[in-house]
C-alpha atoms as a PDB file:
ATOM      1  CA  MET A   1      16.636   5.087 -19.488  1.00  0.00           C
ATOM      2  CA  SER A   2      19.649   2.861 -20.199  1.00  0.00           C
ATOM      3  CA  GLU A   3      19.417  -0.926 -20.234  1.00  0.00           C
ATOM      4  CA  GLN A   4      21.836  -1.023 -17.311  1.00  0.00           C
ATOM      5  CA  ALA A   5      19.534   1.182 -15.282  1.00  0.00           C
ATOM      6  CA  LYS A   6      16.527  -0.931 -16.180  1.00  0.00           C
ATOM      7  CA  LYS A   7      18.371  -3.991 -14.875  1.00  0.00           C
ATOM      8  CA  GLU A   8      18.718  -2.377 -11.464  1.00  0.00           C
ATOM      9  CA  GLY A   9      16.137  -4.730  -9.988  1.00  0.00           C
ATOM     10  CA  LYS A  10      17.401  -7.915 -11.673  1.00  0.00           C
ATOM     11  CA  ASN A  11      16.434 -11.078  -9.793  1.00  0.00           C
ATOM     12  CA  LYS A  12      14.436  -9.079  -7.247  1.00  0.00           C
ATOM     13  CA  ARG A  13      10.769  -9.454  -6.395  1.00  0.00           C
ATOM     14  CA  ILE A  14       9.644  -6.043  -5.212  1.00  0.00           C
ATOM     15  CA  GLY A  15       6.546  -5.075  -3.272  1.00  0.00           C
ATOM     16  CA  LEU A  16       5.027  -1.611  -3.682  1.00  0.00           C
ATOM     17  CA  PHE A  17       2.812  -0.498  -0.811  1.00  0.00           C
ATOM     18  CA  GLY A  18       1.097   2.837  -1.369  1.00  0.00           C
ATOM     19  CA  GLY A  19      -1.177   4.766   0.959  1.00  0.00           C
ATOM     20  CA  THR A  20      -1.667   7.963   2.890  1.00  0.00           C
ATOM     21  CA  PHE A  21      -0.185   6.384   6.057  1.00  0.00           C
ATOM     22  CA  ASN A  22      -1.907   9.012   8.180  1.00  0.00           C
ATOM     23  CA  PRO A  23      -0.234   7.716  10.297  1.00  0.00           C
ATOM     24  CA  ILE A  24       1.427   4.380   9.575  1.00  0.00           C
ATOM     25  CA  HIS A  25       0.584   1.730  12.198  1.00  0.00           C
ATOM     26  CA  LEU A  26       1.324  -1.869  13.140  1.00  0.00           C
ATOM     27  CA  GLY A  27      -1.482  -3.164  10.934  1.00  0.00           C
ATOM     28  CA  HIS A  28       0.287  -1.750   7.879  1.00  0.00           C
ATOM     29  CA  LEU A  29       3.627  -3.160   8.971  1.00  0.00           C
ATOM     30  CA  ARG A  30       2.394  -6.629   9.913  1.00  0.00           C
ATOM     31  CA  GLY A  31       0.417  -6.926   6.681  1.00  0.00           C
ATOM     32  CA  ALA A  32       3.425  -5.909   4.595  1.00  0.00           C
ATOM     33  CA  GLU A  33       5.656  -8.386   6.434  1.00  0.00           C
ATOM     34  CA  GLU A  34       3.251 -11.276   5.843  1.00  0.00           C
ATOM     35  CA  ILE A  35       2.963 -10.414   2.146  1.00  0.00           C
ATOM     36  CA  ARG A  36       6.748 -10.125   1.879  1.00  0.00           C
ATOM     37  CA  GLU A  37       7.195 -13.550   3.417  1.00  0.00           C
ATOM     38  CA  THR A  38       4.416 -15.240   1.418  1.00  0.00           C
ATOM     39  CA  PHE A  39       5.636 -13.994  -1.953  1.00  0.00           C
ATOM     40  CA  ALA A  40       9.368 -14.096  -1.142  1.00  0.00           C
ATOM     41  CA  LEU A  41       9.800 -10.385  -1.811  1.00  0.00           C
ATOM     42  CA  GLN A  42      13.333  -9.050  -1.524  1.00  0.00           C
ATOM     43  CA  GLU A  43      12.057  -5.549  -0.771  1.00  0.00           C
ATOM     44  CA  VAL A  44       8.842  -3.760   0.124  1.00  0.00           C
ATOM     45  CA  ILE A  45       8.815  -0.078  -0.791  1.00  0.00           C
ATOM     46  CA  PHE A  46       6.338   2.073   1.145  1.00  0.00           C
ATOM     47  CA  ILE A  47       4.990   4.936  -0.969  1.00  0.00           C
ATOM     48  CA  PRO A  48       3.245   7.723   0.986  1.00  0.00           C
ATOM     49  CA  ALA A  49       0.876   9.755  -1.170  1.00  0.00           C
ATOM     50  CA  ALA A  50       1.534  13.486  -1.360  1.00  0.00           C
ATOM     51  CA  ILE A  51      -2.074  14.439  -2.089  1.00  0.00           C
ATOM     52  CA  SER A  52      -4.484  11.521  -2.128  1.00  0.00           C
ATOM     53  CA  PRO A  53      -7.302  11.850  -4.689  1.00  0.00           C
ATOM     54  CA  HIS A  54      -9.470   9.670  -2.426  1.00  0.00           C
ATOM     55  CA  LYS A  55      -9.084  11.461   0.926  1.00  0.00           C
ATOM     56  CA  ALA A  56     -10.422  14.777   2.159  1.00  0.00           C
ATOM     57  CA  ALA A  57      -7.486  17.183   2.314  1.00  0.00           C
ATOM     58  CA  GLU A  58      -8.365  18.461   5.790  1.00  0.00           C
ATOM     59  CA  GLU A  59      -8.050  14.933   7.220  1.00  0.00           C
ATOM     60  CA  VAL A  60      -4.467  14.408   6.033  1.00  0.00           C
ATOM     61  CA  ILE A  61      -1.424  16.029   7.628  1.00  0.00           C
ATOM     62  CA  ASP A  62       1.531  17.347   5.638  1.00  0.00           C
ATOM     63  CA  ALA A  63       3.205  14.687   3.511  1.00  0.00           C
ATOM     64  CA  LYS A  64       6.661  15.409   4.925  1.00  0.00           C
ATOM     65  CA  HIS A  65       5.484  14.271   8.371  1.00  0.00           C
ATOM     66  CA  ARG A  66       3.842  11.131   7.005  1.00  0.00           C
ATOM     67  CA  LEU A  67       6.959  10.242   5.018  1.00  0.00           C
ATOM     68  CA  GLU A  68       9.199  10.721   8.047  1.00  0.00           C
ATOM     69  CA  MET A  69       6.965   8.511  10.198  1.00  0.00           C
ATOM     70  CA  VAL A  70       7.072   5.805   7.522  1.00  0.00           C
ATOM     71  CA  ARG A  71      10.852   6.048   7.393  1.00  0.00           C
ATOM     72  CA  ARG A  72      11.132   5.691  11.151  1.00  0.00           C
ATOM     73  CA  ALA A  73       8.604   2.857  11.284  1.00  0.00           C
ATOM     74  CA  THR A  74      10.400   0.828   8.621  1.00  0.00           C
ATOM     75  CA  ALA A  75      13.991   1.559   9.633  1.00  0.00           C
ATOM     76  CA  THR A  76      14.461  -1.610  11.688  1.00  0.00           C
ATOM     77  CA  ASN A  77      13.305  -4.002   8.945  1.00  0.00           C
ATOM     78  CA  PRO A  78      16.065  -4.625   6.368  1.00  0.00           C
ATOM     79  CA  TYR A  79      13.462  -5.561   3.747  1.00  0.00           C
ATOM     80  CA  PHE A  80      11.458  -2.346   4.108  1.00  0.00           C
ATOM     81  CA  SER A  81      12.185   1.076   2.639  1.00  0.00           C
ATOM     82  CA  ALA A  82      10.330   4.305   1.925  1.00  0.00           C
ATOM     83  CA  THR A  83      10.310   6.540  -1.125  1.00  0.00           C
ATOM     84  CA  GLU A  84       9.384  10.173  -1.635  1.00  0.00           C
ATOM     85  CA  ILE A  85       8.533   9.663  -5.319  1.00  0.00           C
ATOM     86  CA  GLU A  86       4.937  10.879  -4.951  1.00  0.00           C
ATOM     87  CA  LEU A  87       6.033  13.890  -2.909  1.00  0.00           C
ATOM     88  CA  LEU A  88       8.277  15.025  -5.760  1.00  0.00           C
ATOM     89  CA  ARG A  89       5.377  15.367  -8.181  1.00  0.00           C
ATOM     90  CA  PHE A  90       3.035  18.311  -8.417  1.00  0.00           C
ATOM     91  CA  GLY A  91      -0.644  17.783  -7.731  1.00  0.00           C
ATOM     92  CA  LYS A  92      -2.493  14.656  -6.700  1.00  0.00           C
ATOM     93  CA  SER A  93      -0.804  11.280  -6.377  1.00  0.00           C
ATOM     94  CA  TYR A  94      -2.080   8.730  -8.881  1.00  0.00           C
ATOM     95  CA  SER A  95      -1.052   5.082  -8.684  1.00  0.00           C
ATOM     96  CA  ILE A  96      -0.913   4.778 -12.470  1.00  0.00           C
ATOM     97  CA  ASP A  97       1.938   7.316 -12.589  1.00  0.00           C
ATOM     98  CA  THR A  98       3.805   5.588  -9.776  1.00  0.00           C
ATOM     99  CA  LEU A  99       3.455   2.117 -11.281  1.00  0.00           C
ATOM    100  CA  ARG A 100       4.648   3.338 -14.665  1.00  0.00           C
ATOM    101  CA  TYR A 101       7.681   4.865 -12.968  1.00  0.00           C
ATOM    102  CA  PHE A 102       8.598   1.605 -11.223  1.00  0.00           C
ATOM    103  CA  ARG A 103       7.816  -0.478 -14.306  1.00  0.00           C
ATOM    104  CA  GLU A 104      10.317   1.631 -16.251  1.00  0.00           C
ATOM    105  CA  LYS A 105      12.880   1.394 -13.461  1.00  0.00           C
ATOM    106  CA  TYR A 106      12.671  -2.355 -12.868  1.00  0.00           C
ATOM    107  CA  GLN A 107      12.324  -5.253 -15.290  1.00  0.00           C
ATOM    108  CA  ASP A 108      11.564  -7.777 -12.591  1.00  0.00           C
ATOM    109  CA  PRO A 109       8.283  -8.783 -10.918  1.00  0.00           C
ATOM    110  CA  LEU A 110       6.467  -6.008  -9.082  1.00  0.00           C
ATOM    111  CA  TYR A 111       3.730  -6.682  -6.522  1.00  0.00           C
ATOM    112  CA  PHE A 112       1.358  -3.825  -5.760  1.00  0.00           C
ATOM    113  CA  ILE A 113       0.006  -4.267  -2.223  1.00  0.00           C
ATOM    114  CA  LEU A 114      -3.298  -2.781  -1.119  1.00  0.00           C
ATOM    115  CA  GLY A 115      -6.161  -3.427   1.268  1.00  0.00           C
ATOM    116  CA  ARG A 116      -9.571  -4.787   0.381  1.00  0.00           C
ATOM    117  CA  ASP A 117     -11.209  -1.438   1.193  1.00  0.00           C
ATOM    118  CA  ALA A 118      -9.049   0.299  -1.415  1.00  0.00           C
ATOM    119  CA  PHE A 119      -9.536  -2.445  -3.997  1.00  0.00           C
ATOM    120  CA  VAL A 120     -13.334  -2.212  -3.977  1.00  0.00           C
ATOM    121  CA  GLU A 121     -12.991   1.418  -5.093  1.00  0.00           C
ATOM    122  CA  ILE A 122     -10.425   0.736  -7.795  1.00  0.00           C
ATOM    123  CA  GLU A 123     -12.819   1.590 -10.620  1.00  0.00           C
ATOM    124  CA  THR A 124     -12.635   5.202  -9.389  1.00  0.00           C
ATOM    125  CA  TRP A 125      -8.838   5.279  -9.840  1.00  0.00           C
ATOM    126  CA  ARG A 126      -7.292   7.066 -12.798  1.00  0.00           C
ATOM    127  CA  GLU A 127      -6.818   4.706 -15.780  1.00  0.00           C
ATOM    128  CA  PHE A 128      -7.695   1.746 -13.584  1.00  0.00           C
ATOM    129  CA  GLU A 129      -7.926  -0.601 -16.584  1.00  0.00           C
ATOM    130  CA  SER A 130      -4.213  -0.041 -17.280  1.00  0.00           C
ATOM    131  CA  LEU A 131      -2.998  -0.730 -13.746  1.00  0.00           C
ATOM    132  CA  PHE A 132      -3.185  -4.504 -13.986  1.00  0.00           C
ATOM    133  CA  SER A 133      -0.882  -4.822 -16.989  1.00  0.00           C
ATOM    134  CA  LEU A 134       1.970  -3.145 -15.095  1.00  0.00           C
ATOM    135  CA  CYS A 135       2.385  -5.480 -12.125  1.00  0.00           C
ATOM    136  CA  HIS A 136       0.895  -8.204  -9.974  1.00  0.00           C
ATOM    137  CA  PHE A 137      -1.747  -7.115  -7.465  1.00  0.00           C
ATOM    138  CA  VAL A 138      -1.972  -8.496  -3.929  1.00  0.00           C
ATOM    139  CA  VAL A 139      -5.122  -7.566  -2.033  1.00  0.00           C
ATOM    140  CA  MET A 140      -4.867  -8.017   1.732  1.00  0.00           C
ATOM    141  CA  THR A 141      -8.054  -9.418   3.255  1.00  0.00           C
ATOM    142  CA  SER A 142      -9.254 -10.387   6.713  1.00  0.00           C
ATOM    143  CA  PRO A 143      -9.610 -14.055   7.749  1.00  0.00           C
ATOM    144  CA  GLY A 144     -12.649 -15.780   6.253  1.00  0.00           C
ATOM    145  CA  PHE A 145     -12.764 -13.504   3.221  1.00  0.00           C
ATOM    146  CA  GLN A 146     -12.806 -16.313   0.643  1.00  0.00           C
ATOM    147  CA  LYS A 147     -15.662 -18.065   2.427  1.00  0.00           C
ATOM    148  CA  ASN A 148     -17.692 -14.866   2.624  1.00  0.00           C
ATOM    149  CA  VAL A 149     -17.425 -14.090  -1.096  1.00  0.00           C
ATOM    150  CA  LEU A 150     -20.208 -16.058  -2.775  1.00  0.00           C
ATOM    151  CA  SER A 151     -19.521 -14.774  -6.283  1.00  0.00           C
ATOM    152  CA  SER A 152     -16.629 -13.093  -8.063  1.00  0.00           C
ATOM    153  CA  PRO A 153     -14.705 -10.710  -5.764  1.00  0.00           C
ATOM    154  CA  LEU A 154     -13.887  -8.531  -8.770  1.00  0.00           C
ATOM    155  CA  PRO A 155     -15.578  -5.214  -9.510  1.00  0.00           C
ATOM    156  CA  GLU A 156     -17.863  -5.500 -12.532  1.00  0.00           C
ATOM    157  CA  GLY A 157     -15.503  -3.482 -14.713  1.00  0.00           C
ATOM    158  CA  LEU A 158     -12.755  -6.097 -14.340  1.00  0.00           C
ATOM    159  CA  THR A 159     -14.607  -9.365 -14.911  1.00  0.00           C
ATOM    160  CA  SER A 160     -14.029  -9.357 -18.673  1.00  0.00           C
ATOM    161  CA  VAL A 161     -10.231  -8.990 -18.431  1.00  0.00           C
ATOM    162  CA  PHE A 162      -9.533 -11.600 -15.746  1.00  0.00           C
ATOM    163  CA  ARG A 163      -9.979 -15.362 -15.543  1.00  0.00           C
ATOM    164  CA  TYR A 164      -9.716 -17.424 -12.392  1.00  0.00           C
ATOM    165  CA  ASP A 165      -7.076 -20.167 -12.217  1.00  0.00           C
ATOM    166  CA  PRO A 166      -7.865 -22.589  -9.351  1.00  0.00           C
ATOM    167  CA  GLY A 167      -4.458 -24.218  -9.753  1.00  0.00           C
ATOM    168  CA  VAL A 168      -2.698 -21.152  -8.389  1.00  0.00           C
ATOM    169  CA  ASN A 169      -5.723 -19.659  -6.596  1.00  0.00           C
ATOM    170  CA  ALA A 170      -5.298 -16.406  -8.474  1.00  0.00           C
ATOM    171  CA  TRP A 171      -7.024 -14.261 -11.056  1.00  0.00           C
ATOM    172  CA  ILE A 172      -5.026 -13.974 -14.262  1.00  0.00           C
ATOM    173  CA  HIS A 173      -5.153 -10.720 -16.190  1.00  0.00           C
ATOM    174  CA  GLN A 174      -5.164 -10.795 -19.983  1.00  0.00           C
ATOM    175  CA  SER A 175      -1.622  -9.351 -19.819  1.00  0.00           C
ATOM    176  CA  GLY A 176      -0.434 -12.340 -17.780  1.00  0.00           C
ATOM    177  CA  GLN A 177      -0.134 -10.457 -14.494  1.00  0.00           C
ATOM    178  CA  THR A 178      -1.938 -11.930 -11.484  1.00  0.00           C
ATOM    179  CA  LEU A 179      -4.416 -10.665  -8.903  1.00  0.00           C
ATOM    180  CA  ILE A 180      -4.304 -12.520  -5.602  1.00  0.00           C
ATOM    181  CA  PHE A 181      -6.462 -12.134  -2.507  1.00  0.00           C
ATOM    182  CA  LYS A 182      -4.336 -12.956   0.528  1.00  0.00           C
ATOM    183  CA  GLU A 183      -5.667 -13.333   4.052  1.00  0.00           C
ATOM    184  CA  ILE A 184      -3.462 -11.691   6.658  1.00  0.00           C
ATOM    185  CA  THR A 185      -3.525 -11.514  10.439  1.00  0.00           C
ATOM    186  CA  PHE A 186      -6.361  -9.199  11.392  1.00  0.00           C
ATOM    187  CA  LEU A 187      -5.286  -6.354  13.649  1.00  0.00           C
ATOM    188  CA  ASP A 188      -8.193  -4.083  14.519  1.00  0.00           C
ATOM    189  CA  ILE A 189      -6.153  -0.914  14.076  1.00  0.00           C
ATOM    190  CA  SER A 190      -6.940   2.046  11.853  1.00  0.00           C
ATOM    191  CA  SER A 191      -5.314   5.396  11.210  1.00  0.00           C
ATOM    192  CA  THR A 192      -8.663   7.031  11.964  1.00  0.00           C
ATOM    193  CA  LYS A 193      -8.759   5.454  15.422  1.00  0.00           C
ATOM    194  CA  ILE A 194      -5.168   6.487  16.085  1.00  0.00           C
ATOM    195  CA  ARG A 195      -5.942  10.090  15.179  1.00  0.00           C
ATOM    196  CA  GLU A 196      -8.942  10.042  17.522  1.00  0.00           C
ATOM    197  CA  LEU A 197      -6.864   8.627  20.380  1.00  0.00           C
ATOM    198  CA  THR A 198      -4.151  11.229  19.814  1.00  0.00           C
ATOM    199  CA  GLU A 199      -6.699  14.011  19.888  1.00  0.00           C
ATOM    200  CA  ARG A 200      -7.862  12.750  23.293  1.00  0.00           C
ATOM    201  CA  GLY A 201      -4.311  12.468  24.582  1.00  0.00           C
ATOM    202  CA  ALA A 202      -4.543   8.675  24.925  1.00  0.00           C
ATOM    203  CA  SER A 203      -1.629   6.263  24.601  1.00  0.00           C
ATOM    204  CA  LEU A 204      -0.752   4.842  21.185  1.00  0.00           C
ATOM    205  CA  ARG A 205       1.368   2.070  22.655  1.00  0.00           C
ATOM    206  CA  TYR A 206       1.037  -1.265  20.786  1.00  0.00           C
ATOM    207  CA  LEU A 207      -0.837   0.463  17.949  1.00  0.00           C
ATOM    208  CA  VAL A 208       2.088   2.211  16.276  1.00  0.00           C
ATOM    209  CA  PRO A 209       5.869   1.764  16.570  1.00  0.00           C
ATOM    210  CA  MET A 210       7.358   3.664  19.487  1.00  0.00           C
ATOM    211  CA  GLU A 211       9.278   5.846  17.012  1.00  0.00           C
ATOM    212  CA  VAL A 212       6.005   6.954  15.443  1.00  0.00           C
ATOM    213  CA  GLU A 213       4.329   7.747  18.759  1.00  0.00           C
ATOM    214  CA  THR A 214       7.364   9.786  19.788  1.00  0.00           C
ATOM    215  CA  TYR A 215       7.322  11.697  16.493  1.00  0.00           C
ATOM    216  CA  VAL A 216       3.602  12.440  16.806  1.00  0.00           C
ATOM    217  CA  LYS A 217       4.112  13.867  20.292  1.00  0.00           C
ATOM    218  CA  GLN A 218       7.229  15.851  19.390  1.00  0.00           C
ATOM    219  CA  HIS A 219       5.491  17.600  16.499  1.00  0.00           C
ATOM    220  CA  GLY A 220       2.053  17.949  18.061  1.00  0.00           C
ATOM    221  CA  LEU A 221       0.357  16.075  15.231  1.00  0.00           C
ATOM    222  CA  TYR A 222      -3.358  15.233  15.101  1.00  0.00           C
ATOM    223  CA  GLN A 223      -4.257  17.702  17.823  1.00  0.00           C
ATOM    224  CA  LYS A 224      -7.782  19.036  18.051  1.00  0.00           C
ATOM    225  CA  LYS A 225      -8.102  22.326  16.217  1.00  0.00           C
ATOM    226  CA  GLN A 226      -9.080  25.245  18.395  1.00  0.00           C
END
Protein backbone atom coordinates (compact mmCIF):
# COMPACT_ATOMS: atom_id res chain seq x y z
CA MET A 1 0.00 0.00 0.00
CA SER A 2 1.34 3.46 -0.90
CA GLU A 3 2.28 6.02 1.73
CA GLN A 4 -0.44 8.29 0.38
CA ALA A 5 -3.02 5.60 0.94
CA LYS A 6 -1.75 4.94 4.44
CA LYS A 7 -2.20 8.63 5.23
CA GLU A 8 -5.89 8.40 4.38
CA GLY A 9 -6.84 8.68 8.04
CA LYS A 10 -4.39 11.47 8.94
CA ASN A 11 -5.48 13.49 11.98
CA LYS A 12 -8.50 11.24 12.52
CA ARG A 13 -9.37 9.26 15.62
CA ILE A 14 -11.38 6.30 14.40
CA GLY A 15 -13.61 3.94 16.35
CA LEU A 16 -14.11 0.36 15.17
CA PHE A 17 -17.24 -1.32 16.49
CA GLY A 18 -17.57 -4.97 15.53
CA GLY A 19 -20.38 -7.39 16.29
CA THR A 20 -23.05 -9.62 14.84
CA PHE A 21 -25.68 -6.86 15.19
CA ASN A 22 -28.44 -9.45 15.05
CA PRO A 23 -30.12 -6.98 14.93
CA ILE A 24 -28.55 -3.62 15.76
CA HIS A 25 -30.48 -1.74 18.47
CA LEU A 26 -30.49 1.54 20.39
CA GLY A 27 -28.13 0.16 23.03
CA HIS A 28 -25.45 -0.32 20.37
CA LEU A 29 -26.05 3.14 18.94
CA ARG A 30 -26.16 5.01 22.25
CA GLY A 31 -23.03 3.25 23.48
CA ALA A 32 -21.15 4.09 20.29
CA GLU A 33 -22.25 7.73 20.48
CA GLU A 34 -21.06 8.09 24.08
CA ILE A 35 -17.70 6.52 23.23
CA ARG A 36 -17.37 8.77 20.18
CA GLU A 37 -18.01 11.85 22.28
CA THR A 38 -15.76 10.81 25.18
CA PHE A 39 -12.76 10.03 23.01
CA ALA A 40 -13.38 12.74 20.39
CA LEU A 41 -13.62 10.22 17.57
CA GLN A 42 -14.10 11.67 14.10
CA GLU A 43 -15.72 8.45 12.87
CA VAL A 44 -17.14 5.22 14.23
CA ILE A 45 -17.15 2.36 11.74
CA PHE A 46 -19.64 -0.43 12.45
CA ILE A 47 -18.33 -3.82 11.31
CA PRO A 48 -20.97 -6.58 11.07
CA ALA A 49 -19.46 -10.06 11.22
CA ALA A 50 -20.16 -12.35 8.28
CA ILE A 51 -19.81 -15.58 10.26
CA SER A 52 -19.15 -15.08 13.95
CA PRO A 53 -16.85 -17.71 15.50
CA HIS A 54 -18.59 -17.12 18.84
CA LYS A 55 -22.26 -17.46 17.84
CA ALA A 56 -24.31 -20.49 16.85
CA ALA A 57 -24.94 -20.24 13.11
CA GLU A 58 -28.65 -21.03 13.41
CA GLU A 59 -29.17 -17.99 15.66
CA VAL A 60 -27.76 -15.48 13.17
CA ILE A 61 -29.59 -14.30 10.05
CA ASP A 62 -27.88 -13.69 6.72
CA ALA A 63 -25.11 -11.10 6.91
CA LYS A 64 -26.53 -9.04 4.05
CA HIS A 65 -29.64 -8.30 6.13
CA ARG A 66 -27.61 -7.41 9.22
CA LEU A 67 -25.36 -5.11 7.20
CA GLU A 68 -28.33 -3.34 5.62
CA MET A 69 -29.96 -2.79 9.02
CA VAL A 70 -26.70 -1.32 10.34
CA ARG A 71 -26.50 0.98 7.34
CA ARG A 72 -30.04 2.19 7.87
CA ALA A 73 -29.58 2.58 11.62
CA THR A 74 -26.44 4.69 11.24
CA ALA A 75 -27.47 6.75 8.21
CA THR A 76 -28.67 9.77 10.20
CA ASN A 77 -25.47 10.16 12.25
CA PRO A 78 -22.72 11.91 10.24
CA TYR A 79 -20.05 10.32 12.44
CA PHE A 80 -21.25 6.75 11.90
CA SER A 81 -20.63 4.47 8.93
CA ALA A 82 -20.79 0.77 8.12
CA THR A 83 -18.38 -1.48 6.27
CA GLU A 84 -18.80 -4.81 4.53
CA ILE A 85 -15.14 -5.76 5.00
CA GLU A 86 -15.92 -8.95 6.95
CA LEU A 87 -18.59 -9.97 4.44
CA LEU A 88 -16.02 -9.88 1.64
CA ARG A 89 -13.86 -12.55 3.26
CA PHE A 90 -14.43 -16.27 3.06
CA GLY A 91 -15.10 -18.19 6.25
CA LYS A 92 -15.41 -16.95 9.81
CA SER A 93 -14.84 -13.34 10.78
CA TYR A 94 -11.84 -12.86 13.06
CA SER A 95 -11.11 -9.52 14.69
CA ILE A 96 -7.36 -9.98 14.27
CA ASP A 97 -7.76 -9.94 10.47
CA THR A 98 -10.00 -6.88 10.58
CA LEU A 99 -7.71 -4.92 12.89
CA ARG A 100 -4.68 -5.70 10.75
CA TYR A 101 -6.59 -4.44 7.72
CA PHE A 102 -7.45 -1.13 9.39
CA ARG A 103 -3.99 -0.78 10.91
CA GLU A 104 -2.52 -1.04 7.41
CA LYS A 105 -5.08 1.40 6.03
CA TYR A 106 -4.75 4.08 8.70
CA GLN A 107 -1.71 5.44 10.52
CA ASP A 108 -3.74 7.31 13.09
CA PRO A 109 -5.24 6.20 16.42
CA LEU A 110 -7.76 3.37 16.23
CA TYR A 111 -10.17 2.57 19.06
CA PHE A 112 -11.69 -0.91 19.07
CA ILE A 113 -15.06 -0.76 20.85
CA LEU A 114 -16.61 -3.80 22.50
CA GLY A 115 -18.87 -4.74 25.39
CA ARG A 116 -17.80 -6.21 28.70
CA ASP A 117 -19.46 -9.54 27.86
CA ALA A 118 -17.28 -9.89 24.76
CA PHE A 119 -14.13 -8.77 26.56
CA VAL A 120 -14.34 -11.45 29.25
CA GLU A 121 -14.13 -14.06 26.48
CA ILE A 122 -11.25 -12.42 24.64
CA GLU A 123 -8.80 -15.21 25.49
CA THR A 124 -10.87 -17.43 23.17
CA TRP A 125 -10.31 -15.06 20.22
CA ARG A 126 -7.82 -15.93 17.50
CA GLU A 127 -4.34 -14.52 18.28
CA PHE A 128 -5.78 -12.53 21.16
CA GLU A 129 -2.31 -11.61 22.45
CA SER A 130 -1.64 -9.69 19.22
CA LEU A 131 -4.86 -7.66 19.24
CA PHE A 132 -3.71 -5.12 21.80
CA SER A 133 -0.64 -3.98 19.88
CA LEU A 134 -2.78 -2.90 16.91
CA CYS A 135 -5.08 -0.34 18.52
CA HIS A 136 -6.56 1.07 21.70
CA PHE A 137 -9.35 -0.95 23.30
CA VAL A 138 -12.45 0.62 24.85
CA VAL A 139 -14.63 -1.75 26.86
CA MET A 140 -18.16 -0.48 27.47
CA THR A 141 -19.41 -1.28 30.97
CA SER A 142 -22.57 -0.67 32.96
CA PRO A 143 -22.69 1.95 35.75
CA GLY A 144 -20.93 0.87 38.95
CA PHE A 145 -18.55 -1.47 37.14
CA GLN A 146 -15.37 0.00 38.65
CA LYS A 147 -16.78 -0.27 42.17
CA ASN A 148 -17.82 -3.88 41.63
CA VAL A 149 -14.39 -5.02 40.42
CA LEU A 150 -12.38 -5.80 43.55
CA SER A 151 -9.27 -6.99 41.73
CA SER A 152 -7.85 -6.64 38.23
CA PRO A 153 -10.59 -6.61 35.56
CA LEU A 154 -8.18 -8.25 33.12
CA PRO A 155 -8.33 -11.91 32.13
CA GLU A 156 -5.41 -13.84 33.61
CA GLY A 157 -3.70 -14.17 30.24
CA LEU A 158 -3.33 -10.39 29.94
CA THR A 159 -2.05 -9.39 33.37
CA SER A 160 1.62 -9.78 32.42
CA VAL A 161 1.43 -7.47 29.38
CA PHE A 162 -0.51 -4.58 30.92
CA ARG A 163 0.19 -2.13 33.73
CA TYR A 164 -2.35 0.17 35.30
CA ASP A 165 -1.76 3.94 35.13
CA PRO A 166 -3.98 5.74 37.69
CA GLY A 167 -3.07 9.09 36.14
CA VAL A 168 -5.08 8.33 33.02
CA ASN A 169 -7.29 5.62 34.55
CA ALA A 170 -6.24 3.17 31.86
CA TRP A 171 -4.32 -0.04 31.41
CA ILE A 172 -1.21 0.42 29.30
CA HIS A 173 -0.14 -2.40 27.01
CA GLN A 174 3.56 -3.13 26.56
CA SER A 175 3.17 -1.79 22.99
CA GLY A 176 1.97 1.57 24.32
CA GLN A 177 -1.67 1.09 23.32
CA THR A 178 -4.29 1.57 26.03
CA LEU A 179 -7.19 -0.46 27.41
CA ILE A 180 -9.93 1.63 28.98
CA PHE A 181 -13.10 0.55 30.76
CA LYS A 182 -15.77 3.18 30.12
CA GLU A 183 -19.14 3.29 31.84
CA ILE A 184 -21.99 4.10 29.47
CA THR A 185 -25.70 4.71 29.92
CA PHE A 186 -27.29 1.36 30.66
CA LEU A 187 -30.13 0.48 28.31
CA ASP A 188 -31.63 -2.90 29.13
CA ILE A 189 -31.90 -3.92 25.48
CA SER A 190 -30.49 -7.03 23.84
CA SER A 191 -30.62 -8.49 20.36
CA THR A 192 -31.87 -11.73 21.90
CA LYS A 193 -34.84 -9.95 23.47
CA ILE A 194 -35.61 -8.18 20.20
CA ARG A 195 -35.63 -11.47 18.32
CA GLU A 196 -38.00 -12.95 20.91
CA LEU A 197 -40.35 -9.96 20.66
CA THR A 198 -40.34 -10.15 16.86
CA GLU A 199 -41.18 -13.83 16.97
CA ARG A 200 -44.21 -13.00 19.12
CA GLY A 201 -45.26 -10.17 16.82
CA ALA A 202 -44.68 -7.53 19.51
CA SER A 203 -43.68 -3.93 18.86
CA LEU A 204 -39.99 -3.02 18.66
CA ARG A 205 -40.67 0.68 19.08
CA TYR A 206 -38.06 2.48 21.24
CA LEU A 207 -35.79 -0.59 21.14
CA VAL A 208 -34.49 -0.25 17.59
CA PRO A 209 -34.53 2.64 15.09
CA MET A 210 -37.77 2.86 13.14
CA GLU A 211 -35.83 2.05 9.95
CA VAL A 212 -34.70 -1.24 11.46
CA GLU A 213 -38.16 -2.24 12.65
CA THR A 214 -39.55 -1.48 9.19
CA TYR A 215 -36.82 -3.56 7.53
CA VAL A 216 -37.44 -6.50 9.87
CA LYS A 217 -41.14 -6.47 9.04
CA GLN A 218 -40.64 -6.02 5.29
CA HIS A 219 -38.33 -9.02 5.06
CA GLY A 220 -40.05 -11.23 7.62
CA LEU A 221 -36.91 -11.59 9.72
CA TYR A 222 -36.71 -13.47 13.03
CA GLN A 223 -39.98 -15.29 12.46
CA LYS A 224 -40.65 -18.54 14.26
CA LYS A 225 -39.69 -21.50 12.11
CA GLN A 226 -42.54 -23.80 11.24
